[in-house]
Amino acid sequence: MANYSIAHIEIPAVDASEASTFYNEVFGWKIVTNTAHNYVTFQAEDGLRGGFQGPHEKAYQPGRLLVYLAADDIDAALAEIEAHGGKTIVPKTVIPNILEWAVFADPAGNQVGLSRRYNS
């Protein structure tokens, strides 16, 4: 069985700048803005990473924190998930030269993401 560690967390935010200021000032998270992809990321001191997901993102849902699990093969993981009663919500999506990702729901309806970075 593959090891699916937590790879990334997305916090929904209509205003990523406002959200990043809050998390930086309250928790001391390092904030980086990737203007090429219109995406603001954070990194906690312990190494946990994530980003602020805006309304323009496919998986955006206000009030829902989305946890992504690292997957070596997203297609195989989605097939295994569906074979065990889960459902693909957002099929594998590729961000060229950066990563691929997907979102699934477990049998109880909880949504979880899968992520595979190209440069790691």
Protein backbone atom coordinates (compact mmCIF):
# COMPACT_ATOMS: atom_id res chain seq x y z
CA MET A 1 0.00 0.00 0.00
CA ALA A 2 1.28 3.48 -0.86
CA ASN A 3 2.13 6.02 1.84
CA TYR A 4 -0.25 8.99 1.68
CA SER A 5 1.17 11.70 3.92
CA ILE A 6 -0.39 15.15 4.24
CA ALA A 7 1.18 17.22 1.47
CA HIS A 8 -0.76 20.49 1.40
CA ILE A 9 -3.69 22.26 3.02
CA GLU A 10 -5.88 24.85 1.31
CA ILE A 11 -7.78 27.45 3.27
CA PRO A 12 -10.62 29.13 1.37
CA ALA A 13 -10.28 32.91 1.21
CA VAL A 14 -12.06 35.45 -0.98
CA ASP A 15 -9.15 37.84 -0.29
CA ALA A 16 -5.88 35.90 -0.13
CA SER A 17 -3.91 39.02 0.83
CA GLU A 18 -6.12 39.66 3.85
CA ALA A 19 -6.04 35.98 4.87
CA SER A 20 -2.27 35.74 4.49
CA THR A 21 -1.77 38.86 6.61
CA PHE A 22 -3.95 37.33 9.35
CA TYR A 23 -2.08 33.99 9.39
CA ASN A 24 1.31 35.67 9.19
CA GLU A 25 0.58 38.06 12.06
CA VAL A 26 -1.21 35.55 14.31
CA PHE A 27 0.79 32.36 13.64
CA GLY A 28 4.02 33.65 12.09
CA TRP A 29 3.58 31.66 8.88
CA LYS A 30 5.89 32.57 5.99
CA ILE A 31 3.82 33.91 3.06
CA VAL A 32 4.82 33.71 -0.62
CA THR A 33 2.80 35.11 -3.53
CA ASN A 34 3.18 33.37 -6.88
CA THR A 35 1.97 36.04 -9.29
CA ALA A 36 2.37 33.76 -12.33
CA HIS A 37 -0.31 31.42 -10.94
CA ASN A 38 -2.27 33.98 -8.89
CA TYR A 39 -1.79 31.85 -5.77
CA VAL A 40 -0.64 32.76 -2.26
CA THR A 41 1.06 30.03 -0.22
CA PHE A 42 2.06 29.67 3.42
CA GLN A 43 4.61 27.62 5.29
CA ALA A 44 4.42 27.00 9.01
CA GLU A 45 7.61 26.77 11.06
CA ASP A 46 7.24 22.97 11.35
CA GLY A 47 7.24 22.69 7.54
CA LEU A 48 3.51 22.20 6.91
CA ARG A 49 2.62 24.00 3.69
CA GLY A 50 -0.55 25.19 2.07
CA GLY A 51 -2.25 27.98 0.24
CA PHE A 52 -5.26 30.24 0.15
CA GLN A 53 -7.83 28.99 -2.32
CA GLY A 54 -9.96 31.68 -3.94
CA PRO A 55 -13.32 31.62 -5.70
CA HIS A 56 -11.53 31.25 -9.07
CA GLU A 57 -10.25 27.76 -8.06
CA LYS A 58 -12.14 24.62 -9.18
CA ALA A 59 -12.33 23.12 -5.70
CA TYR A 60 -13.19 26.35 -3.84
CA GLN A 61 -15.90 25.98 -1.26
CA PRO A 62 -16.34 28.63 1.47
CA GLY A 63 -15.87 27.27 4.98
CA ARG A 64 -14.19 24.03 3.86
CA LEU A 65 -10.53 23.47 4.63
CA LEU A 66 -9.14 21.03 2.05
CA VAL A 67 -6.38 18.60 3.01
CA TYR A 68 -4.28 17.11 0.19
CA LEU A 69 -2.55 13.75 0.49
CA ALA A 70 0.68 13.09 -1.42
CA ALA A 71 0.13 10.45 -4.12
CA ASP A 72 2.67 8.86 -6.45
CA ASP A 73 -0.03 7.96 -9.00
CA ILE A 74 -3.25 9.97 -8.87
CA ASP A 75 -5.05 7.86 -11.49
CA ALA A 76 -4.34 4.65 -9.55
CA ALA A 77 -5.33 6.28 -6.26
CA LEU A 78 -8.65 7.48 -7.71
CA ALA A 79 -9.36 4.01 -9.09
CA GLU A 80 -8.68 2.47 -5.66
CA ILE A 81 -10.84 5.12 -3.98
CA GLU A 82 -13.76 4.47 -6.33
CA ALA A 83 -13.36 0.69 -5.93
CA HIS A 84 -13.90 1.19 -2.19
CA GLY A 85 -16.99 3.39 -2.39
CA GLY A 86 -15.40 6.83 -2.82
CA LYS A 87 -16.23 9.27 -5.61
CA THR A 88 -14.06 11.55 -7.75
CA ILE A 89 -15.20 15.17 -7.29
CA VAL A 90 -12.52 16.96 -9.35
CA PRO A 91 -10.65 14.65 -11.76
CA LYS A 92 -6.89 14.79 -12.12
CA THR A 93 -5.91 18.30 -13.11
CA VAL A 94 -2.41 19.16 -14.32
CA ILE A 95 -0.54 22.40 -13.64
CA PRO A 96 2.33 21.97 -16.14
CA ASN A 97 5.81 21.58 -14.64
CA ILE A 98 4.46 22.05 -11.09
CA LEU A 99 1.96 19.41 -9.99
CA GLU A 100 -1.15 17.41 -10.66
CA TRP A 101 -4.09 17.17 -8.28
CA ALA A 102 -7.59 15.80 -7.79
CA VAL A 103 -10.35 15.86 -5.18
CA PHE A 104 -12.39 12.89 -4.01
CA ALA A 105 -15.15 12.22 -1.51
CA ASP A 106 -14.96 9.29 0.87
CA PRO A 107 -18.07 7.13 1.43
CA ALA A 108 -19.19 9.52 4.23
CA GLY A 109 -19.00 12.51 1.86
CA ASN A 110 -15.81 14.10 3.25
CA GLN A 111 -13.78 15.76 0.51
CA VAL A 112 -10.00 15.20 0.42
CA GLY A 113 -7.42 16.14 -2.21
CA LEU A 114 -4.59 14.21 -3.84
CA SER A 115 -1.42 15.92 -5.01
CA ARG A 116 1.74 14.89 -6.87
CA ARG A 117 4.53 17.43 -7.30
CA TYR A 118 6.78 17.15 -10.33
CA ASN A 119 9.86 18.63 -8.68
CA SER A 120 9.91 16.51 -5.53
